[in-house]
Structures are given as structure tokens and as C-alpha cells.
Amino acid sequence: MSAVDFLAQEKIWFDKPRYDEAERRFYERMNGPSQPTQDVGANTILQDIARARENIQKSLAGSTSSSSAADQGEIISRIKSLELENQSLHKVVDNLRAALSKLECRVAVLEKSPAAVTSAPAHSVPYTNGTTVQQKTSAPVKEEEEEDDDDDIDLFGSDEDEEADKLKEQRLKEYTEKKAKKPTIIAKSSILLDVKPWDDETDMAKLEECVRSVQADGLLWGTSKLVPVGYGIKKLQIACVVEDDKVGTDLLEEEITKFEDYVQSVDVAAFNKI
């Protein structure tokens, strides 16, 4: 009989628990009973612990694989949403750049263009609602009348006697007084401002109230409206008329941006001479 056949017929190790039990009983008979219940209980507890460990390891392996798959899916979905948001932000930035370039071109044209002729019979004043109102000025008519009066004054009277000199001095005095009383033409401009909030939760009514609270000599606020920007955010478009010698765009931007709880930025959307 070969060694392989011998091992194939050998069954002692397959019945090892039975032989261990027989051996335990033999020693119990030889030495007397020595805590049999505790040994059996201990073996049972050890077996239960081993089974519990196996079950825990299997459950941990299954939960780890499922949780890793779920985390991977969540990461992929987040990456896709971030890519979409990035694309939309790129579009917004491109639109803002285009608007800024147009504004710069318009400001350059306004700076190069000559000042408006003040002797025109009528001119239009722009408003934010798109309508224009023809405004007549009476200053040119008054200037023509005063020029006619000035032509009537004889600045070169005869110098034959003292009375002629006195009359000349009197007329010169009257002429200077008329020139002093002559009303000066005040240069004014119509400005359209874009006031942008921080987010869509900003109270736009409070923002407009803060903007209109800015007061200065030569400043008059006009109409306003809310214009959608994107992502639920709206900007405030408000018009005003200013005296060029007293109020400028820098002063308006500086005063409005002081309300930093509501205002993110201020831009000049339109600038027209009146």
C-alpha cells in the first residue's frame, strides 16, 4: 500500500473532535471531574466568537464595497455639476467683458465729442423707461434780447464836453451791471447707474432707499427699475441729473458703495450731456 492510499483511508483527523472528547473523558475518569462544564462552555463561546468574527468581517467587506461605490458616484455627480457651473460662469464673464468694452468705447467717444451747443432751441432729456421729453430753453431768447440792448448802448459818445463823459461813464456802468445780472448757463448731465447687489437674497427695496439717501447740491434722482442679471439676481438701474461743476460720477460711486451691506459695485451705464 502506498503512502497516498494510506492517507486516503486515514480518518483519524476527520474525527478529531470525537477523539478529543474520548481523551477528555479518560482523563476525567483517571483524575476525577475537573470543571467539565466550564471547558465545554469555553469551547462553545470560542466557537461563537469565531463565527461572529467571520460574520463581522463579511459584513464589513460588503458595506465597504457598497459605500465606496456610493462615494464614487457622488463624486462623479459633483464633478459634473461643477463643470456645468463653470461653463455658465464663463458665459457670464464673457458677457460682462463685452459690456465693459462697449462702455469703454462709448466713454471714449463722449470724451472726444465737442460740448453740446447751448443755443439750440430744444433738446431731449433721456429717461430710464426709454422715452424722451423735448425741453425748451428760454435762455437763448434772453441772450438775443440782451445783445440787442447792448447794441443800443452807445459806448463811444462825443467827448466835446464833460456831460458827454459823464453819460459815457453812466452807460458803461449800466452795461457792466447788466453783464453782472446776466444768468450763467449751468452745465448739466444725465447719468444712468447700474447698482449691483451681493446676491439674490439682498433686499432691493432697502438698496434703492440707501441709494436715494445720497444727497448733494446739484444732484436730482430720477426713475429706476430692476433688471435681471442671472441666477435670480437683479440689479438696480437708476437715473439722475447732476450739475457738472458740483457732482461727478466718482462722488456718486464713492457715496453709494459706502452701503457695503447691500451694494457690491456701481457702474455707469449711460452718460449724456444736457
C-alpha atoms as a PDB file:
ATOM      1  CA  MET A   1       0.000   0.000   0.000  1.00  0.00           C
ATOM      2  CA  SER A   2       1.428   3.353  -0.986  1.00  0.00           C
ATOM      3  CA  ALA A   3       1.563   6.386   1.293  1.00  0.00           C
ATOM      4  CA  VAL A   4      -1.107   8.161  -0.735  1.00  0.00           C
ATOM      5  CA  ASP A   5      -3.554   5.261  -0.353  1.00  0.00           C
ATOM      6  CA  PHE A   6      -2.792   5.083   3.372  1.00  0.00           C
ATOM      7  CA  LEU A   7      -3.572   8.786   3.807  1.00  0.00           C
ATOM      8  CA  ALA A   8      -6.745   8.398   1.776  1.00  0.00           C
ATOM      9  CA  GLN A   9      -8.019   5.704   4.142  1.00  0.00           C
ATOM     10  CA  GLU A  10      -6.836   7.527   7.267  1.00  0.00           C
ATOM     11  CA  LYS A  11      -9.827   9.119   9.037  1.00  0.00           C
ATOM     12  CA  ILE A  12      -8.466   9.843  12.460  1.00  0.00           C
ATOM     13  CA  TRP A  13      -8.055  13.566  11.828  1.00  0.00           C
ATOM     14  CA  PHE A  14     -11.529  13.889  10.380  1.00  0.00           C
ATOM     15  CA  ASP A  15     -12.952  12.515  13.632  1.00  0.00           C
ATOM     16  CA  LYS A  16     -10.603  14.521  15.827  1.00  0.00           C
ATOM     17  CA  PRO A  17     -13.373  16.125  17.944  1.00  0.00           C
ATOM     18  CA  ARG A  18     -14.635  12.694  18.858  1.00  0.00           C
ATOM     19  CA  TYR A  19     -11.173  11.506  19.843  1.00  0.00           C
ATOM     20  CA  ASP A  20     -10.601  14.669  21.853  1.00  0.00           C
ATOM     21  CA  GLU A  21     -13.848  14.050  23.710  1.00  0.00           C
ATOM     22  CA  ALA A  22     -12.825  10.430  24.413  1.00  0.00           C
ATOM     23  CA  GLU A  23      -9.442  11.589  25.646  1.00  0.00           C
ATOM     24  CA  ARG A  24     -11.074  14.157  27.952  1.00  0.00           C
ATOM     25  CA  ARG A  25     -13.365  11.534  29.431  1.00  0.00           C
ATOM     26  CA  PHE A  26     -10.408   9.177  30.009  1.00  0.00           C
ATOM     27  CA  TYR A  27      -8.522  11.799  31.975  1.00  0.00           C
ATOM     28  CA  GLU A  28     -11.639  12.703  33.898  1.00  0.00           C
ATOM     29  CA  ARG A  29     -12.005   9.137  34.988  1.00  0.00           C
ATOM     30  CA  MET A  30      -8.339   8.945  35.952  1.00  0.00           C
ATOM     31  CA  ASN A  31      -8.145  12.268  37.781  1.00  0.00           C
ATOM     32  CA  GLY A  32     -11.755  12.891  38.686  1.00  0.00           C
ATOM     33  CA  PRO A  33     -14.045  15.545  37.224  1.00  0.00           C
ATOM     34  CA  SER A  34     -12.302  18.889  36.793  1.00  0.00           C
ATOM     35  CA  GLN A  35     -14.647  21.657  35.668  1.00  0.00           C
ATOM     36  CA  PRO A  36     -16.123  19.864  32.618  1.00  0.00           C
ATOM     37  CA  THR A  37     -18.945  22.338  32.280  1.00  0.00           C
ATOM     38  CA  GLN A  38     -16.595  25.271  32.154  1.00  0.00           C
ATOM     39  CA  ASP A  39     -14.424  23.688  29.397  1.00  0.00           C
ATOM     40  CA  VAL A  40     -17.422  22.819  27.253  1.00  0.00           C
ATOM     41  CA  GLY A  41     -18.845  26.298  27.801  1.00  0.00           C
ATOM     42  CA  ALA A  42     -15.494  27.843  26.967  1.00  0.00           C
ATOM     43  CA  ASN A  43     -15.222  25.858  23.734  1.00  0.00           C
ATOM     44  CA  THR A  44     -18.764  26.860  22.785  1.00  0.00           C
ATOM     45  CA  ILE A  45     -18.021  30.545  23.498  1.00  0.00           C
ATOM     46  CA  LEU A  46     -14.824  30.379  21.441  1.00  0.00           C
ATOM     47  CA  GLN A  47     -16.687  28.865  18.542  1.00  0.00           C
ATOM     48  CA  ASP A  48     -19.382  31.539  18.775  1.00  0.00           C
ATOM     49  CA  ILE A  49     -16.726  34.257  18.862  1.00  0.00           C
ATOM     50  CA  ALA A  50     -15.049  32.788  15.781  1.00  0.00           C
ATOM     51  CA  ARG A  51     -18.363  32.691  13.921  1.00  0.00           C
ATOM     52  CA  ALA A  52     -19.156  36.254  14.991  1.00  0.00           C
ATOM     53  CA  ARG A  53     -15.768  37.459  13.736  1.00  0.00           C
ATOM     54  CA  GLU A  54     -16.332  35.809  10.376  1.00  0.00           C
ATOM     55  CA  ASN A  55     -19.796  37.407  10.070  1.00  0.00           C
ATOM     56  CA  ILE A  56     -18.424  40.828  11.049  1.00  0.00           C
ATOM     57  CA  GLN A  57     -15.614  40.580   8.501  1.00  0.00           C
ATOM     58  CA  LYS A  58     -18.045  39.551   5.759  1.00  0.00           C
ATOM     59  CA  SER A  59     -20.457  42.392   6.597  1.00  0.00           C
ATOM     60  CA  LEU A  60     -17.627  44.961   6.769  1.00  0.00           C
ATOM     61  CA  ALA A  61     -16.304  43.830   3.398  1.00  0.00           C
ATOM     62  CA  GLY A  62     -19.773  44.148   1.822  1.00  0.00           C
ATOM     63  CA  SER A  63     -20.521  47.554   3.392  1.00  0.00           C
ATOM     64  CA  THR A  64     -17.105  48.919   2.424  1.00  0.00           C
ATOM     65  CA  SER A  65     -17.585  47.979  -1.210  1.00  0.00           C
ATOM     66  CA  SER A  66     -21.114  49.471  -1.323  1.00  0.00           C
ATOM     67  CA  SER A  67     -20.084  52.655   0.473  1.00  0.00           C
ATOM     68  CA  SER A  68     -17.074  53.111  -1.814  1.00  0.00           C
ATOM     69  CA  ALA A  69     -19.309  52.733  -4.879  1.00  0.00           C
ATOM     70  CA  ALA A  70     -21.787  55.276  -3.468  1.00  0.00           C
ATOM     71  CA  ASP A  71     -18.992  57.748  -2.668  1.00  0.00           C
ATOM     72  CA  GLN A  72     -17.584  57.361  -6.159  1.00  0.00           C
ATOM     73  CA  GLY A  73     -20.989  58.033  -7.727  1.00  0.00           C
ATOM     74  CA  GLU A  74     -21.484  61.124  -5.561  1.00  0.00           C
ATOM     75  CA  ILE A  75     -18.050  62.468  -6.516  1.00  0.00           C
ATOM     76  CA  ILE A  76     -18.797  61.990 -10.228  1.00  0.00           C
ATOM     77  CA  SER A  77     -22.123  63.814  -9.918  1.00  0.00           C
ATOM     78  CA  ARG A  78     -20.450  66.690  -8.067  1.00  0.00           C
ATOM     79  CA  ILE A  79     -17.761  66.976 -10.735  1.00  0.00           C
ATOM     80  CA  LYS A  80     -20.421  67.167 -13.460  1.00  0.00           C
ATOM     81  CA  SER A  81     -22.355  69.870 -11.601  1.00  0.00           C
ATOM     82  CA  LEU A  82     -19.154  71.862 -11.067  1.00  0.00           C
ATOM     83  CA  GLU A  83     -18.335  71.628 -14.772  1.00  0.00           C
ATOM     84  CA  LEU A  84     -21.794  72.945 -15.699  1.00  0.00           C
ATOM     85  CA  GLU A  85     -21.497  75.784 -13.215  1.00  0.00           C
ATOM     86  CA  ASN A  86     -18.030  76.626 -14.534  1.00  0.00           C
ATOM     87  CA  GLN A  87     -19.370  76.834 -18.093  1.00  0.00           C
ATOM     88  CA  SER A  88     -22.196  79.152 -17.032  1.00  0.00           C
ATOM     89  CA  LEU A  89     -19.761  81.361 -15.125  1.00  0.00           C
ATOM     90  CA  HIS A  90     -17.542  81.585 -18.210  1.00  0.00           C
ATOM     91  CA  LYS A  91     -20.545  82.792 -20.226  1.00  0.00           C
ATOM     92  CA  VAL A  92     -21.382  85.446 -17.615  1.00  0.00           C
ATOM     93  CA  VAL A  93     -17.768  86.655 -17.565  1.00  0.00           C
ATOM     94  CA  ASP A  94     -17.694  86.894 -21.375  1.00  0.00           C
ATOM     95  CA  ASN A  95     -20.916  88.929 -21.367  1.00  0.00           C
ATOM     96  CA  LEU A  96     -19.530  91.266 -18.719  1.00  0.00           C
ATOM     97  CA  ARG A  97     -16.325  91.741 -20.690  1.00  0.00           C
ATOM     98  CA  ALA A  98     -18.287  92.578 -23.855  1.00  0.00           C
ATOM     99  CA  ALA A  99     -20.440  95.083 -21.946  1.00  0.00           C
ATOM    100  CA  LEU A 100     -17.333  96.657 -20.393  1.00  0.00           C
ATOM    101  CA  SER A 101     -15.635  97.046 -23.786  1.00  0.00           C
ATOM    102  CA  LYS A 102     -18.753  98.707 -25.220  1.00  0.00           C
ATOM    103  CA  LEU A 103     -18.899 101.060 -22.238  1.00  0.00           C
ATOM    104  CA  GLU A 104     -15.230 101.996 -22.645  1.00  0.00           C
ATOM    105  CA  CYS A 105     -15.761 102.748 -26.345  1.00  0.00           C
ATOM    106  CA  ARG A 106     -18.783 104.903 -25.540  1.00  0.00           C
ATOM    107  CA  VAL A 107     -16.911 106.846 -22.852  1.00  0.00           C
ATOM    108  CA  ALA A 108     -14.023 107.423 -25.268  1.00  0.00           C
ATOM    109  CA  VAL A 109     -16.429 108.771 -27.893  1.00  0.00           C
ATOM    110  CA  LEU A 110     -18.093 111.063 -25.348  1.00  0.00           C
ATOM    111  CA  GLU A 111     -14.738 112.418 -24.210  1.00  0.00           C
ATOM    112  CA  LYS A 112     -13.687 113.192 -27.785  1.00  0.00           C
ATOM    113  CA  SER A 113     -17.008 114.711 -28.889  1.00  0.00           C
ATOM    114  CA  PRO A 114     -17.358 118.531 -28.525  1.00  0.00           C
ATOM    115  CA  ALA A 115     -19.644 120.047 -25.907  1.00  0.00           C
ATOM    116  CA  ALA A 116     -23.314 120.443 -26.784  1.00  0.00           C
ATOM    117  CA  VAL A 117     -24.367 123.778 -28.259  1.00  0.00           C
ATOM    118  CA  THR A 118     -26.271 125.698 -25.601  1.00  0.00           C
ATOM    119  CA  SER A 119     -28.107 127.948 -28.068  1.00  0.00           C
ATOM    120  CA  ALA A 120     -30.220 125.091 -29.509  1.00  0.00           C
ATOM    121  CA  PRO A 121     -33.995 125.801 -29.411  1.00  0.00           C
ATOM    122  CA  ALA A 122     -34.880 122.435 -27.816  1.00  0.00           C
ATOM    123  CA  HIS A 123     -33.162 119.252 -26.700  1.00  0.00           C
ATOM    124  CA  SER A 124     -34.238 115.853 -25.405  1.00  0.00           C
ATOM    125  CA  VAL A 125     -33.651 114.546 -21.896  1.00  0.00           C
ATOM    126  CA  PRO A 126     -33.325 110.685 -21.684  1.00  0.00           C
ATOM    127  CA  TYR A 127     -35.101 108.661 -19.028  1.00  0.00           C
ATOM    128  CA  THR A 128     -34.726 105.022 -17.991  1.00  0.00           C
ATOM    129  CA  ASN A 129     -38.119 103.991 -19.421  1.00  0.00           C
ATOM    130  CA  GLY A 130     -36.872 104.754 -22.954  1.00  0.00           C
ATOM    131  CA  THR A 131     -38.989 107.920 -23.527  1.00  0.00           C
ATOM    132  CA  THR A 132     -37.613 111.353 -24.330  1.00  0.00           C
ATOM    133  CA  VAL A 133     -39.068 114.718 -23.498  1.00  0.00           C
ATOM    134  CA  GLN A 134     -38.402 117.829 -25.523  1.00  0.00           C
ATOM    135  CA  GLN A 135     -37.327 120.627 -23.229  1.00  0.00           C
ATOM    136  CA  LYS A 136     -37.388 124.207 -24.455  1.00  0.00           C
ATOM    137  CA  THR A 137     -34.935 126.762 -23.185  1.00  0.00           C
ATOM    138  CA  SER A 138     -35.608 130.443 -22.938  1.00  0.00           C
ATOM    139  CA  ALA A 139     -32.003 131.404 -22.260  1.00  0.00           C
ATOM    140  CA  PRO A 140     -31.064 131.987 -25.969  1.00  0.00           C
ATOM    141  CA  VAL A 141     -34.034 134.328 -26.433  1.00  0.00           C
ATOM    142  CA  LYS A 142     -32.998 136.288 -23.388  1.00  0.00           C
ATOM    143  CA  GLU A 143     -29.426 136.437 -24.663  1.00  0.00           C
ATOM    144  CA  GLU A 144     -30.587 137.800 -28.015  1.00  0.00           C
ATOM    145  CA  GLU A 145     -32.680 140.464 -26.279  1.00  0.00           C
ATOM    146  CA  GLU A 146     -29.770 141.456 -24.083  1.00  0.00           C
ATOM    147  CA  GLU A 147     -27.478 141.605 -27.075  1.00  0.00           C
ATOM    148  CA  ASP A 148     -29.954 143.893 -28.783  1.00  0.00           C
ATOM    149  CA  ASP A 149     -30.000 146.063 -25.676  1.00  0.00           C
ATOM    150  CA  ASP A 150     -26.218 146.084 -25.645  1.00  0.00           C
ATOM    151  CA  ASP A 151     -26.170 147.235 -29.251  1.00  0.00           C
ATOM    152  CA  ASP A 152     -28.379 150.157 -28.356  1.00  0.00           C
ATOM    153  CA  ILE A 153     -25.849 151.403 -25.812  1.00  0.00           C
ATOM    154  CA  ASP A 154     -23.572 153.984 -27.267  1.00  0.00           C
ATOM    155  CA  LEU A 155     -20.108 153.300 -25.922  1.00  0.00           C
ATOM    156  CA  PHE A 156     -18.497 155.975 -27.977  1.00  0.00           C
ATOM    157  CA  GLY A 157     -20.363 159.197 -27.214  1.00  0.00           C
ATOM    158  CA  SER A 158     -18.934 162.565 -28.060  1.00  0.00           C
ATOM    159  CA  ASP A 159     -16.142 163.899 -25.911  1.00  0.00           C
ATOM    160  CA  GLU A 160     -16.929 167.517 -26.560  1.00  0.00           C
ATOM    161  CA  ASP A 161     -17.847 168.353 -23.001  1.00  0.00           C
ATOM    162  CA  GLU A 162     -17.988 166.913 -19.508  1.00  0.00           C
ATOM    163  CA  GLU A 163     -21.631 165.927 -19.833  1.00  0.00           C
ATOM    164  CA  ALA A 164     -20.750 163.569 -22.647  1.00  0.00           C
ATOM    165  CA  ASP A 165     -18.040 161.978 -20.466  1.00  0.00           C
ATOM    166  CA  LYS A 166     -20.469 161.544 -17.577  1.00  0.00           C
ATOM    167  CA  LEU A 167     -23.038 159.997 -19.896  1.00  0.00           C
ATOM    168  CA  LYS A 168     -20.421 157.641 -21.226  1.00  0.00           C
ATOM    169  CA  GLU A 169     -19.399 156.587 -17.726  1.00  0.00           C
ATOM    170  CA  GLN A 170     -23.028 156.097 -16.746  1.00  0.00           C
ATOM    171  CA  ARG A 171     -23.703 153.902 -19.761  1.00  0.00           C
ATOM    172  CA  LEU A 172     -20.584 151.883 -19.094  1.00  0.00           C
ATOM    173  CA  LYS A 173     -21.748 151.356 -15.526  1.00  0.00           C
ATOM    174  CA  GLU A 174     -25.187 150.235 -16.711  1.00  0.00           C
ATOM    175  CA  TYR A 175     -23.563 147.872 -19.189  1.00  0.00           C
ATOM    176  CA  THR A 176     -21.390 146.238 -16.520  1.00  0.00           C
ATOM    177  CA  GLU A 177     -24.399 145.893 -14.190  1.00  0.00           C
ATOM    178  CA  LYS A 178     -26.370 144.141 -16.945  1.00  0.00           C
ATOM    179  CA  LYS A 179     -23.493 141.794 -17.576  1.00  0.00           C
ATOM    180  CA  ALA A 180     -23.281 141.015 -13.864  1.00  0.00           C
ATOM    181  CA  LYS A 181     -27.019 140.255 -13.699  1.00  0.00           C
ATOM    182  CA  LYS A 182     -26.879 138.090 -16.809  1.00  0.00           C
ATOM    183  CA  PRO A 183     -27.685 134.488 -15.821  1.00  0.00           C
ATOM    184  CA  THR A 184     -24.890 131.999 -16.296  1.00  0.00           C
ATOM    185  CA  ILE A 185     -25.565 128.749 -18.142  1.00  0.00           C
ATOM    186  CA  ILE A 186     -25.164 125.731 -15.849  1.00  0.00           C
ATOM    187  CA  ALA A 187     -23.758 122.607 -17.491  1.00  0.00           C
ATOM    188  CA  LYS A 188     -25.732 119.503 -16.528  1.00  0.00           C
ATOM    189  CA  SER A 189     -25.501 115.780 -17.337  1.00  0.00           C
ATOM    190  CA  SER A 190     -27.906 112.842 -17.261  1.00  0.00           C
ATOM    191  CA  ILE A 191     -26.336 109.695 -15.736  1.00  0.00           C
ATOM    192  CA  LEU A 192     -27.711 106.132 -15.686  1.00  0.00           C
ATOM    193  CA  LEU A 193     -26.184 103.980 -12.929  1.00  0.00           C
ATOM    194  CA  ASP A 194     -26.152 100.183 -12.522  1.00  0.00           C
ATOM    195  CA  VAL A 195     -26.078  99.252  -8.825  1.00  0.00           C
ATOM    196  CA  LYS A 196     -25.391  95.538  -8.261  1.00  0.00           C
ATOM    197  CA  PRO A 197     -26.242  93.667  -5.030  1.00  0.00           C
ATOM    198  CA  TRP A 198     -24.253  90.855  -3.406  1.00  0.00           C
ATOM    199  CA  ASP A 199     -26.720  88.007  -4.083  1.00  0.00           C
ATOM    200  CA  ASP A 200     -30.353  87.167  -4.772  1.00  0.00           C
ATOM    201  CA  GLU A 201     -31.235  87.500  -1.071  1.00  0.00           C
ATOM    202  CA  THR A 202     -30.398  91.227  -0.928  1.00  0.00           C
ATOM    203  CA  ASP A 203     -33.370  93.484  -0.129  1.00  0.00           C
ATOM    204  CA  MET A 204     -33.586  95.572  -3.321  1.00  0.00           C
ATOM    205  CA  ALA A 205     -36.120  97.991  -1.826  1.00  0.00           C
ATOM    206  CA  LYS A 206     -33.705  98.777   1.004  1.00  0.00           C
ATOM    207  CA  LEU A 207     -30.860  99.061  -1.521  1.00  0.00           C
ATOM    208  CA  GLU A 208     -32.786 101.659  -3.556  1.00  0.00           C
ATOM    209  CA  GLU A 209     -33.654 103.529  -0.372  1.00  0.00           C
ATOM    210  CA  CYS A 210     -29.952 103.679   0.518  1.00  0.00           C
ATOM    211  CA  VAL A 211     -29.043 104.937  -2.954  1.00  0.00           C
ATOM    212  CA  ARG A 212     -31.677 107.686  -2.894  1.00  0.00           C
ATOM    213  CA  SER A 213     -30.495 108.722   0.568  1.00  0.00           C
ATOM    214  CA  VAL A 214     -27.337 110.103  -1.065  1.00  0.00           C
ATOM    215  CA  GLN A 215     -27.989 113.848  -1.311  1.00  0.00           C
ATOM    216  CA  ALA A 216     -25.761 116.611  -2.650  1.00  0.00           C
ATOM    217  CA  ASP A 217     -26.071 120.113  -4.042  1.00  0.00           C
ATOM    218  CA  GLY A 218     -26.733 119.787  -7.776  1.00  0.00           C
ATOM    219  CA  LEU A 219     -28.000 116.144  -7.596  1.00  0.00           C
ATOM    220  CA  LEU A 220     -31.533 115.104  -8.565  1.00  0.00           C
ATOM    221  CA  TRP A 221     -32.607 111.431  -8.598  1.00  0.00           C
ATOM    222  CA  GLY A 222     -34.950 110.186 -11.335  1.00  0.00           C
ATOM    223  CA  THR A 223     -36.742 106.961 -12.228  1.00  0.00           C
ATOM    224  CA  SER A 224     -35.438 103.449 -11.502  1.00  0.00           C
ATOM    225  CA  LYS A 225     -36.127  99.810 -12.340  1.00  0.00           C
ATOM    226  CA  LEU A 226     -34.839  96.305 -11.581  1.00  0.00           C
ATOM    227  CA  VAL A 227     -33.023  94.472 -14.396  1.00  0.00           C
ATOM    228  CA  PRO A 228     -32.380  90.676 -14.215  1.00  0.00           C
ATOM    229  CA  VAL A 229     -28.694  89.699 -14.324  1.00  0.00           C
ATOM    230  CA  GLY A 230     -28.745  85.898 -13.819  1.00  0.00           C
ATOM    231  CA  TYR A 231     -29.175  83.169 -11.198  1.00  0.00           C
ATOM    232  CA  GLY A 232     -32.117  85.077  -9.731  1.00  0.00           C
ATOM    233  CA  ILE A 233     -30.011  88.234  -9.133  1.00  0.00           C
ATOM    234  CA  LYS A 234     -31.377  91.640 -10.203  1.00  0.00           C
ATOM    235  CA  LYS A 235     -29.515  94.944 -10.457  1.00  0.00           C
ATOM    236  CA  LEU A 236     -30.931  98.422  -9.816  1.00  0.00           C
ATOM    237  CA  GLN A 237     -30.887 100.834 -12.771  1.00  0.00           C
ATOM    238  CA  ILE A 238     -31.443 104.380 -11.553  1.00  0.00           C
ATOM    239  CA  ALA A 239     -31.194 107.709 -13.389  1.00  0.00           C
ATOM    240  CA  CYS A 240     -30.100 111.062 -12.031  1.00  0.00           C
ATOM    241  CA  VAL A 241     -29.357 114.598 -13.254  1.00  0.00           C
ATOM    242  CA  VAL A 242     -26.257 116.356 -11.909  1.00  0.00           C
ATOM    243  CA  GLU A 243     -24.563 119.717 -12.261  1.00  0.00           C
ATOM    244  CA  ASP A 244     -21.143 119.035 -13.732  1.00  0.00           C
ATOM    245  CA  ASP A 245     -19.359 121.626 -11.599  1.00  0.00           C
ATOM    246  CA  LYS A 246     -20.768 120.228  -8.332  1.00  0.00           C
ATOM    247  CA  VAL A 247     -21.315 116.470  -8.699  1.00  0.00           C
ATOM    248  CA  GLY A 248     -19.305 113.841 -10.608  1.00  0.00           C
ATOM    249  CA  THR A 249     -19.500 110.087 -11.177  1.00  0.00           C
ATOM    250  CA  ASP A 250     -16.612 109.458  -8.767  1.00  0.00           C
ATOM    251  CA  LEU A 251     -18.518 111.139  -5.934  1.00  0.00           C
ATOM    252  CA  LEU A 252     -21.666 109.103  -6.667  1.00  0.00           C
ATOM    253  CA  GLU A 253     -19.786 105.784  -6.775  1.00  0.00           C
ATOM    254  CA  GLU A 254     -17.919 106.587  -3.558  1.00  0.00           C
ATOM    255  CA  GLU A 255     -21.084 107.531  -1.657  1.00  0.00           C
ATOM    256  CA  ILE A 256     -23.175 104.574  -2.911  1.00  0.00           C
ATOM    257  CA  THR A 257     -20.502 101.946  -2.234  1.00  0.00           C
ATOM    258  CA  LYS A 258     -20.441 103.020   1.413  1.00  0.00           C
ATOM    259  CA  PHE A 259     -23.578 100.885   1.864  1.00  0.00           C
ATOM    260  CA  GLU A 260     -21.410  97.750   1.681  1.00  0.00           C
ATOM    261  CA  ASP A 261     -24.077  95.549   3.318  1.00  0.00           C
ATOM    262  CA  TYR A 262     -26.256  95.892   0.204  1.00  0.00           C
ATOM    263  CA  VAL A 263     -24.074  97.226  -2.646  1.00  0.00           C
ATOM    264  CA  GLN A 264     -21.411  95.136  -4.367  1.00  0.00           C
ATOM    265  CA  SER A 265     -20.448  97.546  -7.163  1.00  0.00           C
ATOM    266  CA  VAL A 266     -21.613 100.635  -9.091  1.00  0.00           C
ATOM    267  CA  ASP A 267     -21.176 101.085 -12.862  1.00  0.00           C
ATOM    268  CA  VAL A 268     -22.030 103.977 -15.207  1.00  0.00           C
ATOM    269  CA  ALA A 269     -24.401 102.539 -17.842  1.00  0.00           C
ATOM    270  CA  ALA A 270     -25.006 105.831 -19.737  1.00  0.00           C
ATOM    271  CA  PHE A 271     -23.673 109.410 -19.580  1.00  0.00           C
ATOM    272  CA  ASN A 272     -25.266 112.227 -21.617  1.00  0.00           C
ATOM    273  CA  LYS A 273     -24.762 115.966 -21.607  1.00  0.00           C
ATOM    274  CA  ILE A 274     -27.870 118.092 -21.216  1.00  0.00           C
END
